[in-house]
Protein backbone atom coordinates (compact mmCIF):
# COMPACT_ATOMS: atom_id res chain seq x y z
CA MET A 1 99.70 93.05 129.71
CA PRO A 2 102.76 93.95 127.65
CA THR A 3 102.73 97.05 125.49
CA VAL A 4 104.01 96.02 122.06
CA ILE A 5 103.63 99.33 120.20
CA GLN A 6 103.31 102.89 121.45
CA ARG A 7 102.80 105.60 118.84
CA ASP A 8 100.87 108.86 118.36
CA GLY A 9 99.07 108.53 121.69
CA PHE A 10 98.04 104.93 121.02
CA ARG A 11 99.22 101.99 123.10
CA VAL A 12 98.83 98.50 121.61
CA VAL A 13 98.71 95.81 124.31
CA ILE A 14 98.37 92.05 124.41
CA PHE A 15 96.72 90.50 127.45
CA LEU A 16 98.25 87.30 128.78
CA PRO A 17 96.75 83.87 129.45
CA PRO A 18 94.93 82.51 131.31
CA ARG A 19 92.67 85.59 131.26
CA GLU A 20 93.05 86.11 127.53
CA HIS A 21 91.98 83.78 124.75
CA GLY A 22 91.84 83.45 120.96
CA PRO A 23 91.34 84.44 118.30
CA ALA A 24 94.52 86.49 118.00
CA HIS A 25 93.74 90.13 118.81
CA VAL A 26 95.14 93.27 120.40
CA HIS A 27 93.74 96.02 122.60
CA VAL A 28 94.49 99.51 121.32
CA ARG A 29 94.13 102.21 123.97
CA LYS A 30 94.16 105.97 123.80
CA ALA A 31 93.22 108.49 126.50
CA GLY A 32 90.95 106.16 128.46
CA THR A 33 89.31 104.64 125.38
CA GLU A 34 89.85 101.28 123.72
CA VAL A 35 89.22 99.25 120.58
CA VAL A 36 89.82 95.51 120.36
CA ILE A 37 91.06 94.46 116.92
CA THR A 38 91.43 90.90 115.62
CA LEU A 39 94.59 90.14 113.68
CA ASP A 40 93.60 87.33 111.32
CA PRO A 41 91.61 88.69 109.63
CA ILE A 42 91.81 92.35 110.70
CA GLY A 43 88.48 93.29 112.25
CA ILE A 44 86.94 95.32 115.05
CA ARG A 45 85.52 93.30 117.96
CA VAL A 46 84.74 95.97 120.55
CA VAL A 47 84.86 99.76 120.72
CA GLU A 48 84.77 101.44 124.12
CA ARG A 49 84.26 105.20 123.94
CA MET A 50 86.85 105.71 121.16
CA ARG A 51 86.05 108.37 118.56
CA PRO A 52 85.50 107.04 115.03
CA ALA A 53 88.54 108.95 113.70
CA ASP A 54 90.73 107.33 116.37
CA VAL A 55 89.29 103.89 115.54
CA VAL A 56 90.32 104.42 111.91
CA GLN A 57 93.85 105.38 113.03
CA ALA A 58 94.03 102.40 115.40
CA VAL A 59 93.02 99.98 112.65
CA ALA A 60 95.62 101.51 110.32
CA LEU A 61 98.29 101.14 113.02
CA VAL A 62 97.38 97.47 113.47
CA GLU A 63 97.27 96.84 109.70
CA ASP A 64 100.72 98.42 109.27
CA ASN A 65 102.16 96.22 112.03
CA ARG A 66 100.06 93.07 111.60
CA ALA A 67 102.96 90.62 111.07
CA HIS A 68 104.80 91.90 114.15
CA LEU A 69 101.64 91.84 116.26
CA LEU A 70 100.76 88.28 115.21
CA LYS A 71 104.28 87.16 116.10
CA GLU A 72 104.04 88.82 119.52
CA TRP A 73 100.57 87.37 120.18
CA ARG A 74 101.66 83.84 119.24
CA LYS A 75 104.81 84.14 121.36
CA ARG A 76 102.61 84.77 124.41
CA HIS A 77 99.74 82.36 123.67
CA VAL A 78 101.33 79.16 122.36
């Protein structure tokens, strides 16, 4: 479960196969909470206890780094 971005209290991780599967997505964690965000297209799959304001920030973080995150996801899942 490599951390690919760490910023402003958020940690963006990509789980590895065989446990993980498509579509391309990342897990964004902060203080014991999590949101799972798909990368193509950007979308929210699951929210676990994360405050709405933090979800908005997490989505913005993923949007700003989408190309990098897709590259990292594909590197680990192809």
